[in-house]
Amino acid sequence: MDPYLLAAILATVITIVVYTVVGWQPIADCMRMWLRRDYWTAYNTVEFLAWGTKAAVIVPGLVFGFEIWWLHVLTLGTSVALIWASMRKLLPTLIAFNTLWIFLSMTVIVRRFMEGGGA
């Protein structure tokens, strides 16, 4: 079986189980918050853009096995922004995660330049 197909099937099963345990309606209500104008505060907008940028770094590396190194420049900035957003929402796990991500991004950037890759 194709590994991508197997991964999609397993992810679907896990998602169905989690959504069933948590409740489909509460999850749908939560996701609909993106459609409400009042949801898009400064910190929620920063959070949305930052997670999108991190996904752009993570997905190619994990799924396709290659790194888009210059996106780490963006994730460095988004990690700083997410620490600010996390303070607005008082989310210590996100502060810790994004502090670690700053080190990750800086390591990739420095490694790239030290290897002579430059821009």
C-alpha atoms as a PDB file:
ATOM      1  CA  MET A   1       0.000   0.000   0.000  1.00  0.00           C
ATOM      2  CA  ASP A   2       1.183   3.503  -0.783  1.00  0.00           C
ATOM      3  CA  PRO A   3       2.512   5.154   2.423  1.00  0.00           C
ATOM      4  CA  TYR A   4       0.707   8.428   1.704  1.00  0.00           C
ATOM      5  CA  LEU A   5      -2.594   6.609   1.294  1.00  0.00           C
ATOM      6  CA  LEU A   6      -2.016   4.630   4.499  1.00  0.00           C
ATOM      7  CA  ALA A   7      -1.112   7.823   6.365  1.00  0.00           C
ATOM      8  CA  ALA A   8      -4.267   9.540   5.066  1.00  0.00           C
ATOM      9  CA  ILE A   9      -6.453   6.597   6.126  1.00  0.00           C
ATOM     10  CA  LEU A  10      -4.909   6.391   9.601  1.00  0.00           C
ATOM     11  CA  ALA A  11      -5.101  10.173  10.084  1.00  0.00           C
ATOM     12  CA  THR A  12      -8.755  10.097   9.040  1.00  0.00           C
ATOM     13  CA  VAL A  13      -9.529   7.329  11.553  1.00  0.00           C
ATOM     14  CA  ILE A  14      -7.733   9.157  14.377  1.00  0.00           C
ATOM     15  CA  THR A  15      -9.479  12.427  13.505  1.00  0.00           C
ATOM     16  CA  ILE A  16     -12.902  10.753  13.457  1.00  0.00           C
ATOM     17  CA  VAL A  17     -12.250   9.158  16.852  1.00  0.00           C
ATOM     18  CA  VAL A  18     -11.043  12.423  18.422  1.00  0.00           C
ATOM     19  CA  TYR A  19     -13.893  14.478  16.916  1.00  0.00           C
ATOM     20  CA  THR A  20     -16.410  11.886  18.133  1.00  0.00           C
ATOM     21  CA  VAL A  21     -15.019  11.910  21.677  1.00  0.00           C
ATOM     22  CA  VAL A  22     -14.800  15.715  21.839  1.00  0.00           C
ATOM     23  CA  GLY A  23     -18.062  16.230  19.965  1.00  0.00           C
ATOM     24  CA  TRP A  24     -18.593  17.142  16.334  1.00  0.00           C
ATOM     25  CA  GLN A  25     -20.790  20.143  17.119  1.00  0.00           C
ATOM     26  CA  PRO A  26     -18.351  21.855  19.517  1.00  0.00           C
ATOM     27  CA  ILE A  27     -15.546  21.367  16.990  1.00  0.00           C
ATOM     28  CA  ALA A  28     -17.700  22.765  14.174  1.00  0.00           C
ATOM     29  CA  ASP A  29     -18.675  25.722  16.379  1.00  0.00           C
ATOM     30  CA  CYS A  30     -15.022  26.357  17.198  1.00  0.00           C
ATOM     31  CA  MET A  31     -13.950  26.191  13.537  1.00  0.00           C
ATOM     32  CA  ARG A  32     -16.739  28.578  12.532  1.00  0.00           C
ATOM     33  CA  MET A  33     -15.067  31.202  14.704  1.00  0.00           C
ATOM     34  CA  TRP A  34     -12.777  31.851  11.719  1.00  0.00           C
ATOM     35  CA  LEU A  35     -15.824  33.164   9.870  1.00  0.00           C
ATOM     36  CA  ARG A  36     -16.672  35.733  12.548  1.00  0.00           C
ATOM     37  CA  ARG A  37     -15.300  39.215  12.109  1.00  0.00           C
ATOM     38  CA  ASP A  38     -14.756  39.655  15.862  1.00  0.00           C
ATOM     39  CA  TYR A  39     -12.426  36.638  15.941  1.00  0.00           C
ATOM     40  CA  TRP A  40      -9.795  38.388  13.836  1.00  0.00           C
ATOM     41  CA  THR A  41      -8.109  40.386  16.583  1.00  0.00           C
ATOM     42  CA  ALA A  42      -4.487  41.396  16.079  1.00  0.00           C
ATOM     43  CA  TYR A  43      -3.174  38.416  18.053  1.00  0.00           C
ATOM     44  CA  ASN A  44      -5.452  35.862  16.370  1.00  0.00           C
ATOM     45  CA  THR A  45      -4.401  37.158  12.953  1.00  0.00           C
ATOM     46  CA  VAL A  46      -0.727  36.929  13.947  1.00  0.00           C
ATOM     47  CA  GLU A  47      -1.310  33.416  15.259  1.00  0.00           C
ATOM     48  CA  PHE A  48      -3.044  32.287  12.047  1.00  0.00           C
ATOM     49  CA  LEU A  49      -0.298  33.655   9.777  1.00  0.00           C
ATOM     50  CA  ALA A  50       2.456  32.303  12.005  1.00  0.00           C
ATOM     51  CA  TRP A  51       1.075  28.769  12.067  1.00  0.00           C
ATOM     52  CA  GLY A  52       0.632  28.890   8.288  1.00  0.00           C
ATOM     53  CA  THR A  53       4.269  29.866   7.892  1.00  0.00           C
ATOM     54  CA  LYS A  54       5.394  27.077  10.208  1.00  0.00           C
ATOM     55  CA  ALA A  55       3.305  24.595   8.215  1.00  0.00           C
ATOM     56  CA  ALA A  56       5.105  25.774   5.059  1.00  0.00           C
ATOM     57  CA  VAL A  57       8.388  24.763   6.729  1.00  0.00           C
ATOM     58  CA  ILE A  58       7.232  21.534   8.338  1.00  0.00           C
ATOM     59  CA  VAL A  59       5.187  19.920   5.557  1.00  0.00           C
ATOM     60  CA  PRO A  60       7.843  19.863   2.800  1.00  0.00           C
ATOM     61  CA  GLY A  61      10.425  18.532   5.248  1.00  0.00           C
ATOM     62  CA  LEU A  62       8.297  15.831   6.819  1.00  0.00           C
ATOM     63  CA  VAL A  63       6.291  14.751   3.808  1.00  0.00           C
ATOM     64  CA  PHE A  64       8.640  15.338   0.881  1.00  0.00           C
ATOM     65  CA  GLY A  65      12.048  15.260   2.581  1.00  0.00           C
ATOM     66  CA  PHE A  66      13.360  18.667   1.588  1.00  0.00           C
ATOM     67  CA  GLU A  67      13.897  21.887   3.439  1.00  0.00           C
ATOM     68  CA  ILE A  68      13.005  25.355   2.224  1.00  0.00           C
ATOM     69  CA  TRP A  69      15.684  27.008   4.345  1.00  0.00           C
ATOM     70  CA  TRP A  70      14.759  30.641   3.707  1.00  0.00           C
ATOM     71  CA  LEU A  71      11.299  30.096   5.199  1.00  0.00           C
ATOM     72  CA  HIS A  72      13.111  29.866   8.536  1.00  0.00           C
ATOM     73  CA  VAL A  73      13.737  33.601   8.225  1.00  0.00           C
ATOM     74  CA  LEU A  74       9.961  34.042   8.212  1.00  0.00           C
ATOM     75  CA  THR A  75       9.412  31.541  11.026  1.00  0.00           C
ATOM     76  CA  LEU A  76      11.969  33.367  13.130  1.00  0.00           C
ATOM     77  CA  GLY A  77       9.784  36.469  12.871  1.00  0.00           C
ATOM     78  CA  THR A  78       6.565  34.546  13.380  1.00  0.00           C
ATOM     79  CA  SER A  79       7.931  32.876  16.505  1.00  0.00           C
ATOM     80  CA  VAL A  80       8.632  36.284  17.985  1.00  0.00           C
ATOM     81  CA  ALA A  81       5.112  37.372  16.994  1.00  0.00           C
ATOM     82  CA  LEU A  82       3.594  34.204  18.476  1.00  0.00           C
ATOM     83  CA  ILE A  83       5.304  34.836  21.789  1.00  0.00           C
ATOM     84  CA  TRP A  84       3.589  38.241  21.816  1.00  0.00           C
ATOM     85  CA  ALA A  85       0.258  36.637  20.844  1.00  0.00           C
ATOM     86  CA  SER A  86       0.713  33.944  23.500  1.00  0.00           C
ATOM     87  CA  MET A  87       1.126  36.600  26.163  1.00  0.00           C
ATOM     88  CA  ARG A  88      -2.178  38.104  25.070  1.00  0.00           C
ATOM     89  CA  LYS A  89      -3.861  34.717  25.488  1.00  0.00           C
ATOM     90  CA  LEU A  90      -1.671  33.529  28.391  1.00  0.00           C
ATOM     91  CA  LEU A  91      -0.550  30.303  26.712  1.00  0.00           C
ATOM     92  CA  PRO A  92       2.738  29.169  28.297  1.00  0.00           C
ATOM     93  CA  THR A  93       3.107  26.119  26.063  1.00  0.00           C
ATOM     94  CA  LEU A  94       3.116  28.320  22.973  1.00  0.00           C
ATOM     95  CA  ILE A  95       5.673  30.633  24.532  1.00  0.00           C
ATOM     96  CA  ALA A  96       7.965  27.673  25.256  1.00  0.00           C
ATOM     97  CA  PHE A  97       7.384  26.121  21.813  1.00  0.00           C
ATOM     98  CA  ASN A  98       8.118  29.359  19.992  1.00  0.00           C
ATOM     99  CA  THR A  99      11.189  30.059  22.088  1.00  0.00           C
ATOM    100  CA  LEU A 100      12.490  26.656  20.986  1.00  0.00           C
ATOM    101  CA  TRP A 101      11.484  27.424  17.391  1.00  0.00           C
ATOM    102  CA  ILE A 102      13.573  30.618  17.454  1.00  0.00           C
ATOM    103  CA  PHE A 103      16.604  28.440  18.209  1.00  0.00           C
ATOM    104  CA  LEU A 104      15.597  25.964  15.502  1.00  0.00           C
ATOM    105  CA  SER A 105      15.174  28.678  12.866  1.00  0.00           C
ATOM    106  CA  MET A 106      18.419  30.399  13.798  1.00  0.00           C
ATOM    107  CA  THR A 107      20.282  27.065  13.666  1.00  0.00           C
ATOM    108  CA  VAL A 108      19.011  26.358  10.136  1.00  0.00           C
ATOM    109  CA  ILE A 109      19.812  29.894   8.953  1.00  0.00           C
ATOM    110  CA  VAL A 110      23.335  29.903  10.431  1.00  0.00           C
ATOM    111  CA  ARG A 111      24.028  26.385   9.146  1.00  0.00           C
ATOM    112  CA  ARG A 112      22.949  27.433   5.659  1.00  0.00           C
ATOM    113  CA  PHE A 113      25.270  30.443   5.606  1.00  0.00           C
ATOM    114  CA  MET A 114      28.210  28.590   7.191  1.00  0.00           C
ATOM    115  CA  GLU A 115      27.923  25.837   4.574  1.00  0.00           C
ATOM    116  CA  GLY A 116      28.388  28.539   1.956  1.00  0.00           C
ATOM    117  CA  GLY A 117      24.793  28.368   0.747  1.00  0.00           C
ATOM    118  CA  GLY A 118      24.129  32.056   1.250  1.00  0.00           C
ATOM    119  CA  ALA A 119      20.936  33.375  -0.211  1.00  0.00           C
END
